Amino acid sequence: MSTIDTAPVAANDIDAASDPAATAAAGSGKATSAPAAATSRAIPLTGVALGIDVGGTGVKAAVVDLASAELVSARVREKTPQPSKPEAVIETVAAVVDMVLAEYGPVADLAVGCGLPGAIKYGYMKTAANLDKGWVDFDATSALSARLGRSVHVINDADAAGMAELAYGEAKGHEGTTILLTIGTGIGSALISEGRLVPNTEFGHLLMHDQASETLVSGVARERRGLKWKEWAAEFNEYLAMLEFFLWPDRIILGGGVSKRSDKYWDHLKTNADLVKARYLNTSGIIGAAYAAALAAHTEEAARKPARRPPRKAKPSTSARSTTAATPKRS
């Protein structure tokens, strides 16, 4: 079953929900950034949306063409402030967004998505591995929306990358189970099952040798430990084998900063699943956040519209009933 199976929908001209579960979630009164179906199934969209990618070292943003996944504005990046407290990071986000829109121009009803490095539940960050601990249990949706003066949809940054690959890239149209790994400062993960995103997985925290695996085999960990690429690949194979044992994926997609150096280690990796490079590397978080925001707007708009009832069957006319009643039975 294809994950892209409906007609293209303009992000600013929405007429139906693609998924009853998504419509119900969007109409439940909960925050739009809930880990619900609003970010689970990919459908074709048109128009543009703004994507923001907040990481431990940088804040990036651009306007994305939803039909093609192309960046149609300048990609603006600023360093993540240190300490990375919510107020300071949000000010940096606002500055980056201002620069993007100053170059691109104003857009009415622009959907805005922001990827954050932590688990997201109903708009709140629940973990903050690479940001200040002040982000834990912080209402990121409300704070960002208030500062930017427009509704902001927040999503886990690795899930944003997963949505980019699901809607446009190496997970599009693939059945079964797919795992995306973003390997850089840590290891982010996105799990896709039968064309649906399962949000907030933290596979980088699975234990290897009594330690979080990302502390041993992330890109930063390789440099910190002084591992050569072949040595790193041998340990990363151990991590991949653990994922395959628990989840039995059909496809594994590798993204993040380490994927840019794939020529150094790719031939040393071993998996039972298909192993492919992510189509979108540095831009995946921006593309996926923009797409997720537009998709959430799609489901919310559809949920506000009354359900279409099937047409009633016409009742037989009075004359028809009388004629039937008057017809004598045959002996």
C-alpha atoms as a PDB file:
ATOM      1  CA  MET A   1       0.000   0.000   0.000  1.00  0.00           C
ATOM      2  CA  SER A   2       1.393   3.350  -1.004  1.00  0.00           C
ATOM      3  CA  THR A   3       1.891   5.967   1.702  1.00  0.00           C
ATOM      4  CA  ILE A   4       0.977   8.658  -0.827  1.00  0.00           C
ATOM      5  CA  ASP A   5      -2.453   7.789  -2.107  1.00  0.00           C
ATOM      6  CA  THR A   6      -4.610  10.914  -2.298  1.00  0.00           C
ATOM      7  CA  ALA A   7      -4.873  13.873  -4.649  1.00  0.00           C
ATOM      8  CA  PRO A   8      -2.640  16.878  -3.911  1.00  0.00           C
ATOM      9  CA  VAL A   9      -4.111  19.328  -1.413  1.00  0.00           C
ATOM     10  CA  ALA A  10      -3.196  22.981  -1.144  1.00  0.00           C
ATOM     11  CA  ALA A  11      -1.999  23.765   2.369  1.00  0.00           C
ATOM     12  CA  ASN A  12      -4.102  26.934   2.404  1.00  0.00           C
ATOM     13  CA  ASP A  13      -7.148  25.414   0.629  1.00  0.00           C
ATOM     14  CA  ILE A  14      -8.085  22.242   2.468  1.00  0.00           C
ATOM     15  CA  ASP A  15     -11.302  20.369   1.777  1.00  0.00           C
ATOM     16  CA  ALA A  16     -11.067  16.924   3.376  1.00  0.00           C
ATOM     17  CA  ALA A  17      -9.102  14.857   5.872  1.00  0.00           C
ATOM     18  CA  SER A  18      -7.146  11.900   4.578  1.00  0.00           C
ATOM     19  CA  ASP A  19      -7.470   9.912   7.775  1.00  0.00           C
ATOM     20  CA  PRO A  20     -10.473   9.636  10.148  1.00  0.00           C
ATOM     21  CA  ALA A  21      -8.143   9.100  13.117  1.00  0.00           C
ATOM     22  CA  ALA A  22      -6.238  12.241  12.267  1.00  0.00           C
ATOM     23  CA  THR A  23      -9.479  14.177  11.961  1.00  0.00           C
ATOM     24  CA  ALA A  24     -10.653  12.942  15.343  1.00  0.00           C
ATOM     25  CA  ALA A  25      -7.351  13.856  16.962  1.00  0.00           C
ATOM     26  CA  ALA A  26      -7.354  17.301  15.434  1.00  0.00           C
ATOM     27  CA  GLY A  27     -10.924  17.900  16.571  1.00  0.00           C
ATOM     28  CA  SER A  28     -10.354  16.738  20.136  1.00  0.00           C
ATOM     29  CA  GLY A  29      -9.365  20.144  21.467  1.00  0.00           C
ATOM     30  CA  LYS A  30      -5.797  19.104  22.219  1.00  0.00           C
ATOM     31  CA  ALA A  31      -2.757  21.055  21.088  1.00  0.00           C
ATOM     32  CA  THR A  32      -1.917  20.727  17.419  1.00  0.00           C
ATOM     33  CA  SER A  33       1.530  19.362  18.222  1.00  0.00           C
ATOM     34  CA  ALA A  34       0.143  16.228  19.838  1.00  0.00           C
ATOM     35  CA  PRO A  35       1.887  13.008  18.775  1.00  0.00           C
ATOM     36  CA  ALA A  36      -1.298  12.013  16.946  1.00  0.00           C
ATOM     37  CA  ALA A  37      -2.167  11.130  13.393  1.00  0.00           C
ATOM     38  CA  ALA A  38      -1.662  14.743  12.335  1.00  0.00           C
ATOM     39  CA  THR A  39       2.006  13.848  11.893  1.00  0.00           C
ATOM     40  CA  SER A  40       1.625  10.181  11.025  1.00  0.00           C
ATOM     41  CA  ARG A  41       0.530   9.574   7.424  1.00  0.00           C
ATOM     42  CA  ALA A  42       1.976  11.418   4.441  1.00  0.00           C
ATOM     43  CA  ILE A  43      -0.297  12.867   1.764  1.00  0.00           C
ATOM     44  CA  PRO A  44       0.579  15.182  -1.127  1.00  0.00           C
ATOM     45  CA  LEU A  45       0.338  18.893  -0.301  1.00  0.00           C
ATOM     46  CA  THR A  46       0.919  22.030  -2.335  1.00  0.00           C
ATOM     47  CA  GLY A  47       1.776  25.605  -1.396  1.00  0.00           C
ATOM     48  CA  VAL A  48       4.588  26.641   0.923  1.00  0.00           C
ATOM     49  CA  ALA A  49       5.344  26.343   4.638  1.00  0.00           C
ATOM     50  CA  LEU A  50       8.124  27.521   6.951  1.00  0.00           C
ATOM     51  CA  GLY A  51      10.379  24.923   8.558  1.00  0.00           C
ATOM     52  CA  ILE A  52      12.589  25.545  11.604  1.00  0.00           C
ATOM     53  CA  ASP A  53      15.221  23.097  12.854  1.00  0.00           C
ATOM     54  CA  VAL A  54      16.579  23.670  16.375  1.00  0.00           C
ATOM     55  CA  GLY A  55      19.653  21.668  17.330  1.00  0.00           C
ATOM     56  CA  GLY A  56      22.230  21.686  20.056  1.00  0.00           C
ATOM     57  CA  THR A  57      24.662  23.707  17.919  1.00  0.00           C
ATOM     58  CA  GLY A  58      22.525  25.581  15.373  1.00  0.00           C
ATOM     59  CA  VAL A  59      19.085  27.025  14.582  1.00  0.00           C
ATOM     60  CA  LYS A  60      18.090  26.838  10.891  1.00  0.00           C
ATOM     61  CA  ALA A  61      15.015  27.864   8.918  1.00  0.00           C
ATOM     62  CA  ALA A  62      13.722  28.208   5.345  1.00  0.00           C
ATOM     63  CA  VAL A  63      10.514  28.311   3.326  1.00  0.00           C
ATOM     64  CA  VAL A  64       9.710  24.951   1.697  1.00  0.00           C
ATOM     65  CA  ASP A  65       7.733  24.179  -1.464  1.00  0.00           C
ATOM     66  CA  LEU A  66       5.395  21.435  -0.250  1.00  0.00           C
ATOM     67  CA  ALA A  67       4.942  19.875  -3.681  1.00  0.00           C
ATOM     68  CA  SER A  68       8.649  19.340  -4.367  1.00  0.00           C
ATOM     69  CA  ALA A  69      10.388  19.613  -0.944  1.00  0.00           C
ATOM     70  CA  GLU A  70      12.672  22.272  -2.411  1.00  0.00           C
ATOM     71  CA  LEU A  71      13.826  25.212  -0.303  1.00  0.00           C
ATOM     72  CA  VAL A  72      12.454  28.304  -2.013  1.00  0.00           C
ATOM     73  CA  SER A  73      14.035  30.862   0.306  1.00  0.00           C
ATOM     74  CA  ALA A  74      17.463  31.396   1.746  1.00  0.00           C
ATOM     75  CA  ARG A  75      18.432  28.830   4.376  1.00  0.00           C
ATOM     76  CA  VAL A  76      19.365  30.952   7.386  1.00  0.00           C
ATOM     77  CA  ARG A  77      21.435  29.560  10.249  1.00  0.00           C
ATOM     78  CA  GLU A  78      22.493  31.013  13.581  1.00  0.00           C
ATOM     79  CA  LYS A  79      24.384  29.338  16.414  1.00  0.00           C
ATOM     80  CA  THR A  80      22.321  27.961  19.266  1.00  0.00           C
ATOM     81  CA  PRO A  81      22.911  30.283  22.249  1.00  0.00           C
ATOM     82  CA  GLN A  82      24.783  28.954  25.243  1.00  0.00           C
ATOM     83  CA  PRO A  83      23.371  28.355  27.747  1.00  0.00           C
ATOM     84  CA  SER A  84      20.502  27.124  25.602  1.00  0.00           C
ATOM     85  CA  LYS A  85      17.654  28.190  27.882  1.00  0.00           C
ATOM     86  CA  PRO A  86      14.202  28.371  26.274  1.00  0.00           C
ATOM     87  CA  GLU A  87      13.969  32.168  26.260  1.00  0.00           C
ATOM     88  CA  ALA A  88      17.366  32.604  24.591  1.00  0.00           C
ATOM     89  CA  VAL A  89      16.753  29.912  21.968  1.00  0.00           C
ATOM     90  CA  ILE A  90      13.305  31.285  21.135  1.00  0.00           C
ATOM     91  CA  GLU A  91      14.811  34.734  20.551  1.00  0.00           C
ATOM     92  CA  THR A  92      17.308  33.151  18.151  1.00  0.00           C
ATOM     93  CA  VAL A  93      14.459  31.341  16.382  1.00  0.00           C
ATOM     94  CA  ALA A  94      12.607  34.647  16.002  1.00  0.00           C
ATOM     95  CA  ALA A  95      15.698  36.323  14.553  1.00  0.00           C
ATOM     96  CA  VAL A  96      16.233  33.511  12.041  1.00  0.00           C
ATOM     97  CA  VAL A  97      12.565  33.547  10.983  1.00  0.00           C
ATOM     98  CA  ASP A  98      12.652  37.323  10.547  1.00  0.00           C
ATOM     99  CA  MET A  99      15.651  37.000   8.227  1.00  0.00           C
ATOM    100  CA  VAL A 100      13.989  34.268   6.165  1.00  0.00           C
ATOM    101  CA  LEU A 101      10.737  36.169   5.712  1.00  0.00           C
ATOM    102  CA  ALA A 102      12.514  39.458   5.039  1.00  0.00           C
ATOM    103  CA  GLU A 103      14.200  37.771   2.073  1.00  0.00           C
ATOM    104  CA  TYR A 104      11.205  35.696   0.901  1.00  0.00           C
ATOM    105  CA  GLY A 105       8.377  38.143   1.568  1.00  0.00           C
ATOM    106  CA  PRO A 106       5.125  37.886   3.555  1.00  0.00           C
ATOM    107  CA  VAL A 107       2.823  34.872   3.110  1.00  0.00           C
ATOM    108  CA  ALA A 108      -0.763  34.833   4.351  1.00  0.00           C
ATOM    109  CA  ASP A 109      -1.711  31.916   6.614  1.00  0.00           C
ATOM    110  CA  LEU A 110       1.798  30.468   6.476  1.00  0.00           C
ATOM    111  CA  ALA A 111       2.071  27.119   8.261  1.00  0.00           C
ATOM    112  CA  VAL A 112       5.107  27.084  10.584  1.00  0.00           C
ATOM    113  CA  GLY A 113       6.756  23.942  11.955  1.00  0.00           C
ATOM    114  CA  CYS A 114       9.633  23.676  14.402  1.00  0.00           C
ATOM    115  CA  GLY A 115      11.717  20.573  15.078  1.00  0.00           C
ATOM    116  CA  LEU A 116      13.151  20.328  18.604  1.00  0.00           C
ATOM    117  CA  PRO A 117      15.688  17.822  19.984  1.00  0.00           C
ATOM    118  CA  GLY A 118      13.450  16.046  22.458  1.00  0.00           C
ATOM    119  CA  ALA A 119      10.278  14.022  22.852  1.00  0.00           C
ATOM    120  CA  ILE A 120       7.158  16.114  22.230  1.00  0.00           C
ATOM    121  CA  LYS A 121       3.813  15.439  23.928  1.00  0.00           C
ATOM    122  CA  TYR A 122       0.914  17.770  23.159  1.00  0.00           C
ATOM    123  CA  GLY A 123       3.233  20.685  22.459  1.00  0.00           C
ATOM    124  CA  TYR A 124       5.412  20.204  25.550  1.00  0.00           C
ATOM    125  CA  MET A 125       9.023  19.036  25.419  1.00  0.00           C
ATOM    126  CA  LYS A 126       9.481  16.062  27.732  1.00  0.00           C
ATOM    127  CA  THR A 127      13.221  15.496  27.263  1.00  0.00           C
ATOM    128  CA  ALA A 128      16.154  17.729  26.339  1.00  0.00           C
ATOM    129  CA  ALA A 129      19.289  15.755  25.594  1.00  0.00           C
ATOM    130  CA  ASN A 130      21.169  18.555  23.776  1.00  0.00           C
ATOM    131  CA  LEU A 131      19.465  21.654  25.184  1.00  0.00           C
ATOM    132  CA  ASP A 132      19.253  23.228  28.629  1.00  0.00           C
ATOM    133  CA  LYS A 133      17.172  21.222  31.105  1.00  0.00           C
ATOM    134  CA  GLY A 134      14.825  24.177  31.339  1.00  0.00           C
ATOM    135  CA  TRP A 135      13.169  22.770  28.208  1.00  0.00           C
ATOM    136  CA  VAL A 136      11.878  19.712  30.078  1.00  0.00           C
ATOM    137  CA  ASP A 137       8.084  20.039  30.539  1.00  0.00           C
ATOM    138  CA  PHE A 138       8.256  23.413  28.763  1.00  0.00           C
ATOM    139  CA  ASP A 139       5.239  24.509  26.692  1.00  0.00           C
ATOM    140  CA  ALA A 140       7.207  25.014  23.494  1.00  0.00           C
ATOM    141  CA  THR A 141       4.138  25.398  21.294  1.00  0.00           C
ATOM    142  CA  SER A 142       2.656  28.304  23.249  1.00  0.00           C
ATOM    143  CA  ALA A 143       5.984  30.079  23.773  1.00  0.00           C
ATOM    144  CA  LEU A 144       7.055  29.881  20.130  1.00  0.00           C
ATOM    145  CA  SER A 145       3.606  30.817  18.844  1.00  0.00           C
ATOM    146  CA  ALA A 146       3.452  33.866  21.134  1.00  0.00           C
ATOM    147  CA  ARG A 147       6.925  35.080  20.154  1.00  0.00           C
ATOM    148  CA  LEU A 148       6.460  34.580  16.398  1.00  0.00           C
ATOM    149  CA  GLY A 149       2.926  35.910  16.381  1.00  0.00           C
ATOM    150  CA  ARG A 150       1.577  32.907  14.486  1.00  0.00           C
ATOM    151  CA  SER A 151       0.607  29.316  15.245  1.00  0.00           C
ATOM    152  CA  VAL A 152       3.638  27.019  15.434  1.00  0.00           C
ATOM    153  CA  HIS A 153       3.523  23.228  15.204  1.00  0.00           C
ATOM    154  CA  VAL A 154       6.347  21.534  17.135  1.00  0.00           C
ATOM    155  CA  ILE A 155       7.724  18.061  16.454  1.00  0.00           C
ATOM    156  CA  ASN A 156      10.683  15.970  17.528  1.00  0.00           C
ATOM    157  CA  ASP A 157      13.602  16.803  15.219  1.00  0.00           C
ATOM    158  CA  ALA A 158      14.282  13.205  14.185  1.00  0.00           C
ATOM    159  CA  ASP A 159      10.562  12.692  13.546  1.00  0.00           C
ATOM    160  CA  ALA A 160      10.706  15.770  11.308  1.00  0.00           C
ATOM    161  CA  ALA A 161      13.507  14.139   9.328  1.00  0.00           C
ATOM    162  CA  GLY A 162      11.415  10.980   9.195  1.00  0.00           C
ATOM    163  CA  MET A 163       8.444  12.903   7.803  1.00  0.00           C
ATOM    164  CA  ALA A 164      10.683  14.371   5.091  1.00  0.00           C
ATOM    165  CA  GLU A 165      11.776  10.885   4.028  1.00  0.00           C
ATOM    166  CA  LEU A 166       8.228   9.507   4.335  1.00  0.00           C
ATOM    167  CA  ALA A 167       6.629  12.229   2.230  1.00  0.00           C
ATOM    168  CA  TYR A 168       9.388  12.762  -0.334  1.00  0.00           C
ATOM    169  CA  GLY A 169      12.376  10.497   0.187  1.00  0.00           C
ATOM    170  CA  GLU A 170      13.621   6.989   0.866  1.00  0.00           C
ATOM    171  CA  ALA A 171      10.621   5.887   2.956  1.00  0.00           C
ATOM    172  CA  LYS A 172       8.014   7.011   0.423  1.00  0.00           C
ATOM    173  CA  GLY A 173       5.933   4.125  -0.906  1.00  0.00           C
ATOM    174  CA  HIS A 174       7.729   1.453   1.154  1.00  0.00           C
ATOM    175  CA  GLU A 175       5.706  -1.116   3.043  1.00  0.00           C
ATOM    176  CA  GLY A 176       6.731  -2.779   6.293  1.00  0.00           C
ATOM    177  CA  THR A 177       8.940  -1.197   8.934  1.00  0.00           C
ATOM    178  CA  THR A 178      11.490   1.532   8.261  1.00  0.00           C
ATOM    179  CA  ILE A 179      13.912   3.095  10.732  1.00  0.00           C
ATOM    180  CA  LEU A 180      15.602   6.436  10.094  1.00  0.00           C
ATOM    181  CA  LEU A 181      18.712   7.224  12.135  1.00  0.00           C
ATOM    182  CA  THR A 182      20.175  10.740  12.248  1.00  0.00           C
ATOM    183  CA  ILE A 183      23.779  10.402  13.371  1.00  0.00           C
ATOM    184  CA  GLY A 184      25.528  13.521  14.592  1.00  0.00           C
ATOM    185  CA  THR A 185      25.795  15.041  18.063  1.00  0.00           C
ATOM    186  CA  GLY A 186      23.688  12.100  19.221  1.00  0.00           C
ATOM    187  CA  ILE A 187      21.560   9.511  17.445  1.00  0.00           C
ATOM    188  CA  GLY A 188      18.017  10.545  16.617  1.00  0.00           C
ATOM    189  CA  SER A 189      15.499   8.011  15.384  1.00  0.00           C
ATOM    190  CA  ALA A 190      12.214   7.872  13.517  1.00  0.00           C
ATOM    191  CA  LEU A 191      10.123   4.716  13.232  1.00  0.00           C
ATOM    192  CA  ILE A 192       7.753   4.257  10.292  1.00  0.00           C
ATOM    193  CA  SER A 193       5.362   1.303  10.283  1.00  0.00           C
ATOM    194  CA  GLU A 194       3.201   0.567   7.229  1.00  0.00           C
ATOM    195  CA  GLY A 195       3.430   4.152   6.023  1.00  0.00           C
ATOM    196  CA  ARG A 196       2.762   5.744   9.420  1.00  0.00           C
ATOM    197  CA  LEU A 197       5.159   7.618  11.654  1.00  0.00           C
ATOM    198  CA  VAL A 198       5.344   6.322  15.232  1.00  0.00           C
ATOM    199  CA  PRO A 199       6.483   9.465  17.116  1.00  0.00           C
ATOM    200  CA  ASN A 200       9.040  10.023  19.867  1.00  0.00           C
ATOM    201  CA  THR A 201      11.239   6.958  19.612  1.00  0.00           C
ATOM    202  CA  GLU A 202      14.580   7.382  21.362  1.00  0.00           C
ATOM    203  CA  PHE A 203      16.627   4.536  19.935  1.00  0.00           C
ATOM    204  CA  GLY A 204      19.824   6.465  20.532  1.00  0.00           C
ATOM    205  CA  HIS A 205      19.289   5.813  24.242  1.00  0.00           C
ATOM    206  CA  LEU A 206      19.179   2.025  23.931  1.00  0.00           C
ATOM    207  CA  LEU A 207      21.901   0.568  26.121  1.00  0.00           C
ATOM    208  CA  MET A 208      25.142  -0.802  24.692  1.00  0.00           C
ATOM    209  CA  HIS A 209      27.654  -2.055  27.232  1.00  0.00           C
ATOM    210  CA  ASP A 210      25.646  -0.358  29.997  1.00  0.00           C
ATOM    211  CA  GLN A 211      25.778   3.026  28.274  1.00  0.00           C
ATOM    212  CA  ALA A 212      23.403   4.958  26.046  1.00  0.00           C
ATOM    213  CA  SER A 213      24.354   3.833  22.564  1.00  0.00           C
ATOM    214  CA  GLU A 214      24.679   7.397  21.244  1.00  0.00           C
ATOM    215  CA  THR A 215      27.473   8.035  23.764  1.00  0.00           C
ATOM    216  CA  LEU A 216      29.469   5.290  22.032  1.00  0.00           C
ATOM    217  CA  VAL A 217      28.604   5.395  18.323  1.00  0.00           C
ATOM    218  CA  SER A 218      27.272   8.857  17.442  1.00  0.00           C
ATOM    219  CA  GLY A 219      29.382  11.076  15.195  1.00  0.00           C
ATOM    220  CA  VAL A 220      30.585  13.163  18.112  1.00  0.00           C
ATOM    221  CA  ALA A 221      31.333  10.006  20.129  1.00  0.00           C
ATOM    222  CA  ARG A 222      33.540   8.671  17.310  1.00  0.00           C
ATOM    223  CA  GLU A 223      35.604  11.851  17.351  1.00  0.00           C
ATOM    224  CA  ARG A 224      35.762  11.978  21.153  1.00  0.00           C
ATOM    225  CA  ARG A 225      36.919   8.362  21.336  1.00  0.00           C
ATOM    226  CA  GLY A 226      39.389   8.746  18.489  1.00  0.00           C
ATOM    227  CA  LEU A 227      37.941   5.858  16.490  1.00  0.00           C
ATOM    228  CA  LYS A 228      38.942   5.340  12.886  1.00  0.00           C
ATOM    229  CA  TRP A 229      36.035   4.884  10.499  1.00  0.00           C
ATOM    230  CA  LYS A 230      36.455   1.109  10.200  1.00  0.00           C
ATOM    231  CA  GLU A 231      36.589   0.776  13.987  1.00  0.00           C
ATOM    232  CA  TRP A 232      33.508   2.951  14.347  1.00  0.00           C
ATOM    233  CA  ALA A 233      31.645   0.922  11.711  1.00  0.00           C
ATOM    234  CA  ALA A 234      32.357  -2.310  13.603  1.00  0.00           C
ATOM    235  CA  GLU A 235      30.762  -0.883  16.752  1.00  0.00           C
ATOM    236  CA  PHE A 236      27.932   0.713  14.805  1.00  0.00           C
ATOM    237  CA  ASN A 237      27.185  -2.704  13.298  1.00  0.00           C
ATOM    238  CA  GLU A 238      26.633  -3.947  16.842  1.00  0.00           C
ATOM    239  CA  TYR A 239      24.116  -1.169  17.372  1.00  0.00           C
ATOM    240  CA  LEU A 240      22.354  -1.948  14.071  1.00  0.00           C
ATOM    241  CA  ALA A 241      22.183  -5.630  14.994  1.00  0.00           C
ATOM    242  CA  MET A 242      20.453  -4.702  18.253  1.00  0.00           C
ATOM    243  CA  LEU A 243      17.838  -2.660  16.382  1.00  0.00           C
ATOM    244  CA  GLU A 244      17.267  -5.518  13.957  1.00  0.00           C
ATOM    245  CA  PHE A 245      16.858  -8.003  16.805  1.00  0.00           C
ATOM    246  CA  PHE A 246      14.187  -5.927  18.536  1.00  0.00           C
ATOM    247  CA  LEU A 247      12.341  -4.377  15.582  1.00  0.00           C
ATOM    248  CA  TRP A 248      12.997  -6.473  12.468  1.00  0.00           C
ATOM    249  CA  PRO A 249      13.014  -3.505  10.068  1.00  0.00           C
ATOM    250  CA  ASP A 250      12.717  -3.934   6.316  1.00  0.00           C
ATOM    251  CA  ARG A 251      14.703  -0.759   5.591  1.00  0.00           C
ATOM    252  CA  ILE A 252      17.175   1.373   7.549  1.00  0.00           C
ATOM    253  CA  ILE A 253      17.910   4.929   6.421  1.00  0.00           C
ATOM    254  CA  LEU A 254      21.033   6.700   7.656  1.00  0.00           C
ATOM    255  CA  GLY A 255      21.047  10.499   7.829  1.00  0.00           C
ATOM    256  CA  GLY A 256      22.622  13.253   9.878  1.00  0.00           C
ATOM    257  CA  GLY A 257      26.105  14.697   9.684  1.00  0.00           C
ATOM    258  CA  VAL A 258      27.896  11.334   9.587  1.00  0.00           C
ATOM    259  CA  SER A 259      26.060  10.366   6.394  1.00  0.00           C
ATOM    260  CA  LYS A 260      28.006  13.041   4.522  1.00  0.00           C
ATOM    261  CA  ARG A 261      31.157  10.935   5.084  1.00  0.00           C
ATOM    262  CA  SER A 262      29.581   7.660   3.988  1.00  0.00           C
ATOM    263  CA  ASP A 263      32.415   6.925   1.565  1.00  0.00           C
ATOM    264  CA  LYS A 264      34.639   6.344   4.622  1.00  0.00           C
ATOM    265  CA  TYR A 265      32.591   3.561   6.211  1.00  0.00           C
ATOM    266  CA  TRP A 266      29.668   2.399   4.051  1.00  0.00           C
ATOM    267  CA  ASP A 267      31.361  -0.738   2.748  1.00  0.00           C
ATOM    268  CA  HIS A 268      32.001  -1.854   6.342  1.00  0.00           C
ATOM    269  CA  LEU A 269      28.350  -1.766   7.443  1.00  0.00           C
ATOM    270  CA  LYS A 270      26.354  -4.994   7.628  1.00  0.00           C
ATOM    271  CA  THR A 271      22.579  -5.371   7.974  1.00  0.00           C
ATOM    272  CA  ASN A 272      19.857  -7.824   7.025  1.00  0.00           C
ATOM    273  CA  ALA A 273      17.526  -4.947   6.172  1.00  0.00           C
ATOM    274  CA  ASP A 274      17.987  -2.750   3.121  1.00  0.00           C
ATOM    275  CA  LEU A 275      20.455  -0.018   4.101  1.00  0.00           C
ATOM    276  CA  VAL A 276      20.182   3.301   2.265  1.00  0.00           C
ATOM    277  CA  LYS A 277      21.367   6.887   2.650  1.00  0.00           C
ATOM    278  CA  ALA A 278      18.825   9.553   3.478  1.00  0.00           C
ATOM    279  CA  ARG A 279      17.778  11.650   0.498  1.00  0.00           C
ATOM    280  CA  TYR A 280      17.750  14.816   2.588  1.00  0.00           C
ATOM    281  CA  LEU A 281      20.699  15.502   4.856  1.00  0.00           C
ATOM    282  CA  ASN A 282      21.164  18.979   6.335  1.00  0.00           C
ATOM    283  CA  THR A 283      17.740  20.100   5.141  1.00  0.00           C
ATOM    284  CA  SER A 284      15.668  17.131   6.347  1.00  0.00           C
ATOM    285  CA  GLY A 285      14.678  18.769   9.638  1.00  0.00           C
ATOM    286  CA  ILE A 286      13.530  21.949   7.898  1.00  0.00           C
ATOM    287  CA  ILE A 287      11.589  20.078   5.205  1.00  0.00           C
ATOM    288  CA  GLY A 288       9.943  17.681   7.660  1.00  0.00           C
ATOM    289  CA  ALA A 289       8.972  20.415  10.138  1.00  0.00           C
ATOM    290  CA  ALA A 290       7.388  22.484   7.357  1.00  0.00           C
ATOM    291  CA  TYR A 291       5.539  19.461   6.003  1.00  0.00           C
ATOM    292  CA  ALA A 292       4.315  18.372   9.462  1.00  0.00           C
ATOM    293  CA  ALA A 293       2.944  21.866  10.151  1.00  0.00           C
ATOM    294  CA  ALA A 294       1.067  21.942   6.841  1.00  0.00           C
ATOM    295  CA  LEU A 295      -0.272  18.439   7.453  1.00  0.00           C
ATOM    296  CA  ALA A 296      -1.479  19.418  10.934  1.00  0.00           C
ATOM    297  CA  ALA A 297      -3.251  22.427   9.442  1.00  0.00           C
ATOM    298  CA  HIS A 298      -4.841  20.073   6.906  1.00  0.00           C
ATOM    299  CA  THR A 299      -6.342  17.809   9.571  1.00  0.00           C
ATOM    300  CA  GLU A 300      -7.479  20.692  11.786  1.00  0.00           C
ATOM    301  CA  GLU A 301      -9.293  22.415   8.942  1.00  0.00           C
ATOM    302  CA  ALA A 302     -10.929  19.166   7.887  1.00  0.00           C
ATOM    303  CA  ALA A 303     -12.034  18.444  11.473  1.00  0.00           C
ATOM    304  CA  ARG A 304     -13.835  21.778  11.648  1.00  0.00           C
ATOM    305  CA  LYS A 305     -15.979  20.927   8.644  1.00  0.00           C
ATOM    306  CA  PRO A 306     -19.228  18.995   9.209  1.00  0.00           C
ATOM    307  CA  ALA A 307     -19.146  15.329   8.307  1.00  0.00           C
ATOM    308  CA  ARG A 308     -20.690  14.466   4.986  1.00  0.00           C
ATOM    309  CA  ARG A 309     -23.754  12.262   5.433  1.00  0.00           C
ATOM    310  CA  PRO A 310     -24.688   9.705   2.779  1.00  0.00           C
ATOM    311  CA  PRO A 311     -27.794  10.680   0.776  1.00  0.00           C
ATOM    312  CA  ARG A 312     -31.039   9.282   2.116  1.00  0.00           C
ATOM    313  CA  LYS A 313     -32.878   6.675   0.076  1.00  0.00           C
ATOM    314  CA  ALA A 314     -36.046   8.022  -1.520  1.00  0.00           C
ATOM    315  CA  LYS A 315     -39.256   6.732   0.082  1.00  0.00           C
ATOM    316  CA  PRO A 316     -41.836   5.136  -2.239  1.00  0.00           C
ATOM    317  CA  SER A 317     -44.623   7.540  -3.198  1.00  0.00           C
ATOM    318  CA  THR A 318     -48.112   7.287  -1.677  1.00  0.00           C
ATOM    319  CA  SER A 319     -49.609   6.334  -5.034  1.00  0.00           C
ATOM    320  CA  ALA A 320     -47.113   3.515  -5.459  1.00  0.00           C
ATOM    321  CA  ARG A 321     -47.972   2.117  -2.017  1.00  0.00           C
ATOM    322  CA  SER A 322     -51.723   2.336  -2.792  1.00  0.00           C
ATOM    323  CA  THR A 323     -51.326   0.551  -6.095  1.00  0.00           C
ATOM    324  CA  THR A 324     -49.348  -2.208  -4.439  1.00  0.00           C
ATOM    325  CA  ALA A 325     -51.971  -2.642  -1.735  1.00  0.00           C
ATOM    326  CA  ALA A 326     -54.803  -2.788  -4.285  1.00  0.00           C
ATOM    327  CA  THR A 327     -53.211  -5.464  -6.463  1.00  0.00           C
ATOM    328  CA  PRO A 328     -55.021  -8.775  -5.901  1.00  0.00           C
ATOM    329  CA  LYS A 329     -53.029 -11.880  -5.138  1.00  0.00           C
ATOM    330  CA  ARG A 330     -52.926 -14.587  -7.744  1.00  0.00           C
ATOM    331  CA  SER A 331     -54.309 -17.968  -6.723  1.00  0.00           C
END
